[in-house]
Amino acid sequence: MFTLLGKIDPFIKWKNKIEKLEFSTNKFEIELYNRHKAQICDLEINLGITASQVINYLKTEFLLQEDSSVYKTLLSYLNAVKEASQNGIIDESLMSGDFEPQRIMSFVKELLQNE
């Protein structure tokens, strides 16, 4: 879970930088965009796969906590990552509001302490 959280923010920043190049008039920037677009798709898919794996882990290892708000929030976050990955729309919405990284990290720590 910590690894997943640590990868999402840098991924979003990188994705945003590359996607800005899509409509550039500079040939080099367009070539750079074309080269990195496939990598972005692959990484986005891998983030979704990782989220699915963590969901499965939580469902088997933390079954007794399935009614807690912490558990439900973490599952909600992971499902949002998984769905965004499947739709190719991992963006800043996964780093704000209820999904603010420090809040999610504290929930993970709390879940582990209550184990």
C-alpha atoms as a PDB file:
ATOM      1  CA  MET A   1       0.000   0.000   0.000  1.00  0.00           C
ATOM      2  CA  PHE A   2       2.804   2.404   0.890  1.00  0.00           C
ATOM      3  CA  THR A   3       4.537   1.613  -2.398  1.00  0.00           C
ATOM      4  CA  LEU A   4       1.368   2.252  -4.356  1.00  0.00           C
ATOM      5  CA  LEU A   5       0.829   5.594  -2.635  1.00  0.00           C
ATOM      6  CA  GLY A   6       4.451   6.537  -3.236  1.00  0.00           C
ATOM      7  CA  LYS A   7       4.144   5.879  -6.964  1.00  0.00           C
ATOM      8  CA  ILE A   8       0.875   7.652  -7.720  1.00  0.00           C
ATOM      9  CA  ASP A   9       1.948  11.262  -7.125  1.00  0.00           C
ATOM     10  CA  PRO A  10       5.140  11.112  -9.238  1.00  0.00           C
ATOM     11  CA  PHE A  11       3.223   9.240 -11.937  1.00  0.00           C
ATOM     12  CA  ILE A  12       0.532  11.929 -12.105  1.00  0.00           C
ATOM     13  CA  LYS A  13       3.128  14.698 -12.344  1.00  0.00           C
ATOM     14  CA  TRP A  14       5.026  12.864 -15.101  1.00  0.00           C
ATOM     15  CA  LYS A  15       1.819  12.047 -16.982  1.00  0.00           C
ATOM     16  CA  ASN A  16       0.696  15.685 -16.866  1.00  0.00           C
ATOM     17  CA  LYS A  17       4.050  16.900 -18.194  1.00  0.00           C
ATOM     18  CA  ILE A  18       4.025  14.430 -21.069  1.00  0.00           C
ATOM     19  CA  GLU A  19       0.370  14.990 -21.978  1.00  0.00           C
ATOM     20  CA  LYS A  20       1.008  18.737 -22.325  1.00  0.00           C
ATOM     21  CA  LEU A  21       3.340  17.889 -25.213  1.00  0.00           C
ATOM     22  CA  GLU A  22       0.606  16.217 -27.265  1.00  0.00           C
ATOM     23  CA  PHE A  23      -0.465  19.446 -28.970  1.00  0.00           C
ATOM     24  CA  SER A  24       2.955  21.033 -29.243  1.00  0.00           C
ATOM     25  CA  THR A  25       4.149  22.448 -32.553  1.00  0.00           C
ATOM     26  CA  ASN A  26       7.701  21.396 -31.754  1.00  0.00           C
ATOM     27  CA  LYS A  27       8.640  18.130 -33.526  1.00  0.00           C
ATOM     28  CA  PHE A  28      10.947  17.058 -30.687  1.00  0.00           C
ATOM     29  CA  GLU A  29       8.182  17.501 -28.094  1.00  0.00           C
ATOM     30  CA  ILE A  30       5.706  15.559 -30.225  1.00  0.00           C
ATOM     31  CA  GLU A  31       8.229  12.748 -30.659  1.00  0.00           C
ATOM     32  CA  LEU A  32       8.875  12.754 -26.919  1.00  0.00           C
ATOM     33  CA  TYR A  33       5.120  12.559 -26.285  1.00  0.00           C
ATOM     34  CA  ASN A  34       4.728   9.644 -28.716  1.00  0.00           C
ATOM     35  CA  ARG A  35       7.622   7.767 -27.108  1.00  0.00           C
ATOM     36  CA  HIS A  36       6.309   8.162 -23.574  1.00  0.00           C
ATOM     37  CA  LYS A  37       2.579   7.684 -24.202  1.00  0.00           C
ATOM     38  CA  ALA A  38       2.884   3.875 -24.282  1.00  0.00           C
ATOM     39  CA  GLN A  39       4.900   3.921 -21.061  1.00  0.00           C
ATOM     40  CA  ILE A  40       2.216   6.021 -19.406  1.00  0.00           C
ATOM     41  CA  CYS A  41      -0.460   3.502 -20.412  1.00  0.00           C
ATOM     42  CA  ASP A  42       1.632   0.584 -19.152  1.00  0.00           C
ATOM     43  CA  LEU A  43       2.349   2.244 -15.817  1.00  0.00           C
ATOM     44  CA  GLU A  44      -1.285   3.215 -15.391  1.00  0.00           C
ATOM     45  CA  ILE A  45      -2.323  -0.395 -15.969  1.00  0.00           C
ATOM     46  CA  ASN A  46       0.301  -1.603 -13.487  1.00  0.00           C
ATOM     47  CA  LEU A  47      -0.966   0.804 -10.830  1.00  0.00           C
ATOM     48  CA  GLY A  48      -4.443  -0.694 -11.290  1.00  0.00           C
ATOM     49  CA  ILE A  49      -3.074  -4.227 -11.028  1.00  0.00           C
ATOM     50  CA  THR A  50      -1.233  -3.298  -7.834  1.00  0.00           C
ATOM     51  CA  ALA A  51      -4.416  -1.739  -6.419  1.00  0.00           C
ATOM     52  CA  SER A  52      -6.307  -4.978  -7.204  1.00  0.00           C
ATOM     53  CA  GLN A  53      -3.644  -7.032  -5.460  1.00  0.00           C
ATOM     54  CA  VAL A  54      -3.802  -4.839  -2.362  1.00  0.00           C
ATOM     55  CA  ILE A  55      -7.618  -5.065  -2.376  1.00  0.00           C
ATOM     56  CA  ASN A  56      -7.389  -8.865  -2.411  1.00  0.00           C
ATOM     57  CA  TYR A  57      -4.797  -8.774   0.371  1.00  0.00           C
ATOM     58  CA  LEU A  58      -6.977  -6.535   2.545  1.00  0.00           C
ATOM     59  CA  LYS A  59     -10.004  -8.720   1.973  1.00  0.00           C
ATOM     60  CA  THR A  60      -8.155 -11.831   3.123  1.00  0.00           C
ATOM     61  CA  GLU A  61      -5.866 -10.491   5.844  1.00  0.00           C
ATOM     62  CA  PHE A  62      -8.086  -7.848   7.436  1.00  0.00           C
ATOM     63  CA  LEU A  63     -11.450  -9.573   7.223  1.00  0.00           C
ATOM     64  CA  LEU A  64     -12.250  -8.786  10.851  1.00  0.00           C
ATOM     65  CA  GLN A  65     -11.940  -5.065  10.174  1.00  0.00           C
ATOM     66  CA  GLU A  66     -14.226  -4.937   7.146  1.00  0.00           C
ATOM     67  CA  ASP A  67     -16.828  -2.905   9.061  1.00  0.00           C
ATOM     68  CA  SER A  68     -14.393  -0.202  10.180  1.00  0.00           C
ATOM     69  CA  SER A  69     -14.443   3.199   8.474  1.00  0.00           C
ATOM     70  CA  VAL A  70     -10.672   3.010   7.982  1.00  0.00           C
ATOM     71  CA  TYR A  71     -10.954  -0.269   6.091  1.00  0.00           C
ATOM     72  CA  LYS A  72     -13.855   1.023   3.992  1.00  0.00           C
ATOM     73  CA  THR A  73     -11.977   4.229   3.108  1.00  0.00           C
ATOM     74  CA  LEU A  74      -8.889   2.290   2.051  1.00  0.00           C
ATOM     75  CA  LEU A  75     -10.996  -0.044  -0.076  1.00  0.00           C
ATOM     76  CA  SER A  76     -12.757   2.940  -1.615  1.00  0.00           C
ATOM     77  CA  TYR A  77      -9.413   4.542  -2.470  1.00  0.00           C
ATOM     78  CA  LEU A  78      -8.011   1.341  -3.961  1.00  0.00           C
ATOM     79  CA  ASN A  79     -11.158   0.792  -6.021  1.00  0.00           C
ATOM     80  CA  ALA A  80     -10.904   4.383  -7.287  1.00  0.00           C
ATOM     81  CA  VAL A  81      -7.290   3.762  -8.341  1.00  0.00           C
ATOM     82  CA  LYS A  82      -8.275   0.497 -10.014  1.00  0.00           C
ATOM     83  CA  GLU A  83     -11.193   2.077 -11.888  1.00  0.00           C
ATOM     84  CA  ALA A  84      -9.181   5.147 -12.925  1.00  0.00           C
ATOM     85  CA  SER A  85      -6.454   2.832 -14.181  1.00  0.00           C
ATOM     86  CA  GLN A  86      -8.890   0.830 -16.270  1.00  0.00           C
ATOM     87  CA  ASN A  87     -10.208   4.042 -17.816  1.00  0.00           C
ATOM     88  CA  GLY A  88      -6.796   5.651 -18.268  1.00  0.00           C
ATOM     89  CA  ILE A  89      -7.701   8.592 -16.059  1.00  0.00           C
ATOM     90  CA  ILE A  90      -5.391   8.463 -13.057  1.00  0.00           C
ATOM     91  CA  ASP A  91      -5.112  12.132 -12.127  1.00  0.00           C
ATOM     92  CA  GLU A  92      -5.033  14.645  -9.271  1.00  0.00           C
ATOM     93  CA  SER A  93      -8.462  13.551  -8.025  1.00  0.00           C
ATOM     94  CA  LEU A  94      -6.695  10.548  -6.479  1.00  0.00           C
ATOM     95  CA  MET A  95      -4.544  12.891  -4.407  1.00  0.00           C
ATOM     96  CA  SER A  96      -7.181  15.218  -2.958  1.00  0.00           C
ATOM     97  CA  GLY A  97     -10.224  15.356  -0.719  1.00  0.00           C
ATOM     98  CA  ASP A  98     -10.882  12.042   1.006  1.00  0.00           C
ATOM     99  CA  PHE A  99      -7.913  10.597  -0.843  1.00  0.00           C
ATOM    100  CA  GLU A 100      -5.289  13.061   0.380  1.00  0.00           C
ATOM    101  CA  PRO A 101      -2.069  10.980   0.654  1.00  0.00           C
ATOM    102  CA  GLN A 102      -1.291  11.775   4.304  1.00  0.00           C
ATOM    103  CA  ARG A 103      -4.820  10.802   5.293  1.00  0.00           C
ATOM    104  CA  ILE A 104      -4.599   7.505   3.402  1.00  0.00           C
ATOM    105  CA  MET A 105      -1.166   6.807   4.928  1.00  0.00           C
ATOM    106  CA  SER A 106      -2.515   7.396   8.422  1.00  0.00           C
ATOM    107  CA  PHE A 107      -5.414   5.035   7.681  1.00  0.00           C
ATOM    108  CA  VAL A 108      -2.987   2.334   6.544  1.00  0.00           C
ATOM    109  CA  LYS A 109      -0.989   2.745   9.764  1.00  0.00           C
ATOM    110  CA  GLU A 110      -4.162   2.639  11.830  1.00  0.00           C
ATOM    111  CA  LEU A 111      -5.354  -0.513  10.066  1.00  0.00           C
ATOM    112  CA  LEU A 112      -2.005  -2.201  10.717  1.00  0.00           C
ATOM    113  CA  GLN A 113      -2.053  -1.202  14.397  1.00  0.00           C
ATOM    114  CA  ASN A 114      -5.538  -2.644  14.848  1.00  0.00           C
ATOM    115  CA  GLU A 115      -4.570  -5.945  13.268  1.00  0.00           C
END
